[in-house]
Protein backbone atom coordinates (compact mmCIF):
# COMPACT_ATOMS: atom_id res chain seq x y z
CA MET A 1 9.97 27.27 -82.16
CA THR A 2 11.68 29.12 -85.01
CA ILE A 3 15.27 30.33 -85.05
CA ASP A 4 14.04 33.89 -84.54
CA GLU A 5 11.85 32.88 -81.60
CA ALA A 6 14.70 30.98 -80.02
CA LEU A 7 17.01 33.98 -80.31
CA ARG A 8 14.41 36.18 -78.62
CA ARG A 9 13.27 33.76 -75.94
CA TYR A 10 15.95 34.35 -73.31
CA PRO A 11 17.58 37.53 -71.96
CA LEU A 12 20.99 36.42 -73.14
CA PRO A 13 23.42 38.35 -75.34
CA ARG A 14 22.39 37.60 -78.92
CA LEU A 15 25.84 36.21 -79.73
CA GLU A 16 25.54 33.67 -76.89
CA SER A 17 22.09 32.60 -78.05
CA ARG A 18 23.46 32.12 -81.56
CA LEU A 19 26.38 30.06 -80.27
CA LEU A 20 24.03 27.81 -78.31
CA LEU A 21 21.79 27.41 -81.35
CA MET A 22 24.79 26.53 -83.51
CA GLN A 23 25.81 23.98 -80.89
CA VAL A 24 22.48 22.14 -80.93
CA THR A 25 21.67 22.46 -84.65
CA GLY A 26 25.06 22.40 -86.36
CA PHE A 27 23.89 25.35 -88.48
CA ALA A 28 26.41 27.85 -89.80
CA PRO A 29 26.03 31.48 -88.65
CA ALA A 30 24.81 32.46 -92.13
CA LYS A 31 21.93 30.00 -91.89
CA LEU A 32 20.81 31.43 -88.55
CA VAL A 33 20.79 34.92 -90.05
CA GLY A 34 19.36 33.98 -93.44
CA TYR A 35 16.52 31.69 -92.32
CA PRO A 36 15.05 33.14 -89.11
CA GLU A 37 11.69 31.47 -89.89
CA LEU A 38 13.18 27.96 -89.92
CA GLU A 39 11.53 25.66 -87.39
CA LEU A 40 13.71 23.79 -84.90
CA SER A 41 13.03 20.11 -84.42
CA PRO A 42 11.63 19.09 -81.01
CA GLU A 43 15.02 17.65 -80.11
CA GLN A 44 16.84 20.83 -81.13
CA GLU A 45 14.37 23.00 -79.23
CA SER A 46 14.70 20.88 -76.10
CA ALA A 47 18.49 20.92 -76.26
CA PHE A 48 18.57 24.69 -76.81
CA VAL A 49 16.23 25.35 -73.90
CA ALA A 50 18.38 23.20 -71.61
CA LEU A 51 21.59 24.99 -72.59
CA ALA A 52 20.03 28.46 -72.39
CA GLU A 53 18.69 27.82 -68.92
CA ARG A 54 22.08 26.56 -67.76
CA ARG A 55 23.67 29.69 -69.17
CA LEU A 56 21.12 31.88 -67.37
CA SER A 57 22.12 30.16 -64.14
CA GLY A 58 25.68 31.38 -64.76
CA GLU A 59 27.34 28.30 -66.20
CA PRO A 60 30.26 29.36 -68.43
CA ILE A 61 29.52 29.45 -72.14
CA ALA A 62 32.79 27.58 -72.75
CA TYR A 63 31.57 24.58 -70.75
CA LEU A 64 28.24 24.60 -72.56
CA LEU A 65 29.99 24.62 -75.93
CA GLY A 66 32.74 22.26 -74.73
CA GLU A 67 35.43 24.39 -76.34
CA ARG A 68 37.45 27.60 -75.98
CA GLU A 69 39.99 29.18 -78.27
CA PHE A 70 43.53 29.73 -77.03
CA TYR A 71 46.34 31.18 -79.15
CA GLY A 72 44.18 30.76 -82.25
CA ARG A 73 43.39 27.08 -81.68
CA PRO A 74 40.27 25.34 -80.32
CA PHE A 75 40.70 23.47 -77.05
CA LEU A 76 38.24 21.07 -75.49
CA VAL A 77 37.16 22.12 -72.01
CA SER A 78 34.99 20.62 -69.30
CA PRO A 79 34.35 21.36 -65.62
CA ALA A 80 37.45 19.23 -64.94
CA VAL A 81 39.73 22.01 -66.21
CA LEU A 82 40.10 25.76 -66.07
CA ILE A 83 38.83 27.68 -69.07
CA PRO A 84 41.86 29.04 -70.99
CA ARG A 85 42.05 32.82 -70.79
CA PRO A 86 43.70 35.41 -73.04
CA GLU A 87 45.93 36.58 -70.17
CA THR A 88 47.69 33.22 -70.18
CA GLU A 89 48.82 33.83 -73.76
CA HIS A 90 51.36 36.25 -72.25
CA LEU A 91 53.06 33.25 -70.64
CA VAL A 92 53.34 31.53 -74.03
CA GLU A 93 54.69 34.69 -75.65
CA ALA A 94 57.29 35.18 -72.91
CA ALA A 95 58.46 31.58 -73.27
CA LEU A 96 58.89 31.85 -77.03
CA ALA A 97 60.63 35.22 -76.73
CA LYS A 98 63.15 34.17 -74.09
CA VAL A 99 63.92 30.60 -75.13
CA GLY A 100 63.56 30.90 -78.90
CA ARG A 101 62.51 28.01 -81.09
CA SER A 102 65.71 25.96 -81.16
CA PRO A 103 65.71 22.56 -79.42
CA ALA A 104 64.78 22.73 -75.72
CA GLN A 105 63.41 20.55 -72.95
CA VAL A 106 60.22 22.11 -71.57
CA VAL A 107 57.71 21.19 -68.88
CA ASP A 108 54.33 22.68 -67.98
CA LEU A 109 53.43 22.11 -64.32
CA GLY A 110 49.70 21.89 -63.60
CA CYS A 111 48.75 21.70 -67.26
CA GLY A 112 44.94 21.52 -66.93
CA SER A 113 43.43 21.45 -70.43
CA GLY A 114 46.91 21.27 -71.93
CA ALA A 115 46.49 24.62 -73.66
CA ILE A 116 49.92 25.93 -72.69
CA ALA A 117 51.83 22.70 -73.32
CA ALA A 118 50.16 21.94 -76.64
CA THR A 119 50.58 25.52 -77.84
CA LEU A 120 54.29 25.52 -77.00
CA ALA A 121 54.77 22.17 -78.74
CA LEU A 122 53.09 23.49 -81.88
CA GLU A 123 54.67 26.95 -81.90
CA ALA A 124 58.17 25.54 -81.29
CA PRO A 125 58.30 22.15 -83.02
CA GLU A 126 61.93 21.61 -81.99
CA TRP A 127 61.00 21.66 -78.31
CA GLN A 128 60.36 18.45 -76.38
CA VAL A 129 57.39 19.31 -74.17
CA SER A 130 56.19 17.49 -71.07
CA ALA A 131 53.17 18.31 -68.93
CA VAL A 132 52.17 17.42 -65.38
CA ASP A 133 48.83 17.50 -63.57
CA VAL A 134 47.58 16.00 -60.33
CA SER A 135 44.09 15.42 -61.76
CA ASP A 136 43.32 12.30 -63.81
CA ALA A 137 40.27 14.03 -65.27
CA ALA A 138 42.28 17.07 -66.33
CA LEU A 139 44.95 14.91 -67.95
CA ALA A 140 42.26 13.08 -69.93
CA ILE A 141 41.17 16.42 -71.44
CA ALA A 142 44.78 17.49 -72.02
CA ARG A 143 45.56 14.25 -73.83
CA GLN A 144 42.50 14.67 -76.05
CA ASN A 145 43.55 18.20 -76.93
CA ALA A 146 47.10 17.15 -77.76
CA ALA A 147 45.78 14.33 -79.95
CA ARG A 148 43.26 16.54 -81.77
CA LEU A 149 45.89 19.16 -82.51
CA ALA A 150 48.69 16.69 -83.24
CA ALA A 151 50.79 18.30 -80.52
CA PRO A 152 53.60 16.02 -79.30
CA VAL A 153 53.37 16.31 -75.51
CA THR A 154 54.39 13.73 -72.89
CA PHE A 155 52.05 13.68 -69.88
CA PHE A 156 52.71 12.78 -66.24
CA LEU A 157 50.21 12.30 -63.43
CA GLY A 158 51.25 13.78 -60.09
CA SER A 159 52.05 16.89 -58.11
CA TRP A 160 54.46 19.43 -59.58
CA TYR A 161 57.96 17.94 -59.96
CA ALA A 162 57.25 14.61 -58.23
CA PRO A 163 56.21 12.48 -61.26
CA LEU A 164 59.01 13.68 -63.54
CA PRO A 165 61.85 11.26 -64.26
CA GLN A 166 64.62 11.39 -61.69
CA GLY A 167 67.39 13.66 -62.89
CA ALA A 168 65.34 15.21 -65.69
CA ILE A 169 66.29 18.85 -66.21
CA PHE A 170 64.74 21.51 -68.39
CA ASP A 171 65.54 24.62 -70.37
CA LEU A 172 62.11 26.01 -69.45
CA ILE A 173 59.58 25.38 -66.70
CA VAL A 174 56.19 27.08 -67.10
CA SER A 175 53.17 27.02 -64.84
CA ASN A 176 49.79 28.62 -64.32
CA PRO A 177 49.21 27.22 -60.83
CA PRO A 178 46.36 27.80 -58.34
CA TYR A 179 47.09 31.30 -57.04
CA ILE A 180 43.81 32.65 -55.68
CA ALA A 181 43.73 32.99 -51.89
CA ALA A 182 41.08 30.85 -50.19
CA ALA A 183 39.32 33.92 -48.79
CA ASP A 184 39.23 35.83 -52.11
CA ARG A 185 35.69 36.88 -53.03
CA HIS A 186 36.37 36.17 -56.71
CA LEU A 187 36.03 32.44 -56.03
CA GLY A 188 32.30 33.03 -55.64
CA GLU A 189 31.82 35.19 -58.72
CA GLY A 190 31.26 34.67 -62.44
CA ASP A 191 32.65 31.72 -64.36
CA VAL A 192 35.04 30.89 -61.53
CA ARG A 193 32.15 29.47 -59.47
CA PHE A 194 31.92 26.58 -61.92
CA GLU A 195 35.62 25.90 -62.44
CA PRO A 196 37.55 23.22 -60.50
CA ARG A 197 38.48 24.70 -57.12
CA LEU A 198 41.65 22.56 -57.02
CA ALA A 199 42.95 24.49 -60.04
CA LEU A 200 42.04 27.89 -58.63
CA THR A 201 43.13 28.09 -55.01
CA ASP A 202 45.73 26.51 -52.74
CA GLU A 203 43.19 26.86 -49.90
CA ASN A 204 45.75 29.12 -48.27
CA ASP A 205 47.26 32.53 -49.08
CA GLY A 206 47.45 31.94 -52.83
CA LEU A 207 51.23 31.58 -52.79
CA SER A 208 51.73 27.99 -51.56
CA CYS A 209 51.98 26.42 -55.02
CA LEU A 210 54.13 29.27 -56.30
CA ARG A 211 56.49 28.77 -53.34
CA GLU A 212 56.86 25.06 -54.09
CA ILE A 213 57.41 25.62 -57.80
CA ALA A 214 60.00 28.35 -57.24
CA ALA A 215 61.87 26.43 -54.55
CA GLY A 216 62.10 23.28 -56.66
CA ALA A 217 63.05 24.97 -59.91
CA PRO A 218 66.85 25.35 -59.55
CA GLU A 219 67.53 21.62 -59.33
CA ARG A 220 65.27 21.01 -62.35
CA LEU A 221 66.72 23.73 -64.58
CA VAL A 222 69.81 23.60 -66.76
CA PRO A 223 72.24 26.48 -66.21
CA GLY A 224 70.64 29.44 -67.95
CA GLY A 225 67.22 27.77 -67.90
CA TRP A 226 64.04 29.78 -67.27
CA LEU A 227 61.16 29.51 -64.81
CA MET A 228 58.00 31.39 -65.84
CA VAL A 229 54.70 31.49 -63.94
CA GLU A 230 51.37 33.22 -64.24
CA HIS A 231 50.00 34.76 -61.04
CA GLY A 232 47.50 37.24 -59.66
CA TYR A 233 47.55 40.96 -60.40
CA ASP A 234 48.60 41.76 -56.82
CA GLN A 235 51.26 39.06 -56.41
CA GLY A 236 54.13 40.46 -58.46
CA ASP A 237 56.22 41.63 -55.50
CA ALA A 238 55.72 38.36 -53.61
CA VAL A 239 56.54 36.13 -56.58
CA ARG A 240 59.67 38.10 -57.44
CA ALA A 241 60.79 37.63 -53.84
CA LEU A 242 60.17 33.87 -54.09
CA PHE A 243 62.20 33.66 -57.29
CA ARG A 244 65.11 35.61 -55.77
CA ALA A 245 65.00 33.49 -52.61
CA ALA A 246 65.38 30.42 -54.83
CA GLY A 247 68.53 31.96 -56.29
CA LEU A 248 67.12 32.84 -59.70
CA ALA A 249 68.55 35.80 -61.61
CA GLU A 250 67.18 38.24 -64.19
CA VAL A 251 63.88 38.23 -62.29
CA GLU A 252 61.15 40.42 -63.77
CA THR A 253 57.39 40.68 -63.95
CA LEU A 254 55.51 41.25 -67.21
CA ALA A 255 52.19 43.06 -67.37
CA ASP A 256 49.11 41.95 -69.29
CA LEU A 257 47.21 44.15 -71.75
CA ALA A 258 45.37 45.77 -68.83
CA GLY A 259 48.71 46.85 -67.35
CA LEU A 260 48.43 44.38 -64.44
CA ASP A 261 51.21 42.13 -63.19
CA ARG A 262 50.64 38.73 -64.81
CA VAL A 263 53.82 36.72 -65.53
CA THR A 264 57.02 36.55 -63.48
CA LEU A 265 60.15 34.94 -64.85
CA GLY A 266 63.66 34.23 -63.66
CA ARG A 267 66.73 32.41 -64.85
CA LYS A 268 69.12 29.95 -63.27
CA ALA A 269 72.64 31.35 -63.22
CA THR A 270 75.05 29.93 -65.79
């Protein structure tokens, strides 16, 4: 099979076919374009066929490549973690805008791949960043990402605030928790079908984790400290109510580039 034949073999977007070919051959994009007649080795052909067929079955391209870019950096991903999405970059931007880059204690609850925590540690080198996840497998990926990117992050295994040192308080708490309701049809569509269900849904109304995070935030925040969470497009009103019920002030919801509610933040009174 030649490069050209491989690119034509499956009804995939040409860019995806090229990415899969690059994955199995190590060829640069220019080589794929410049030498379409080049024959793949039997091993390369077999590996490409396997990946292409998995992609045709709907498996996310990020899992097949083992990597996804977030905030301009490559992050390892596997089916143990959610695939980082551009919408989550709004959470990073809000954190940097509100807290600034001077020294701060920061924690990411439910860190998954570590994309948020590592990005914050790298964008604000004066911050001391911690990250928590309940999944051993997710933390293994997060630790690899932090090591690859030389991002100084301290990791804790456990649920939300529970594994953090007693008495530890923070200038900023961020989280992209499971917020999809158990009955939401989106759980059975697209890439989400292949992502870890534990990281997607609370198996309830989609607000259980957000309730716990909001309720526990005041005792873990310094006066003037911020809580910021990502949530669903239709959850802005509910999350603002949770934040206000927890006693947080300056509560607001930020929209993503599509104009949909995406990040809600609030501040502990000084």
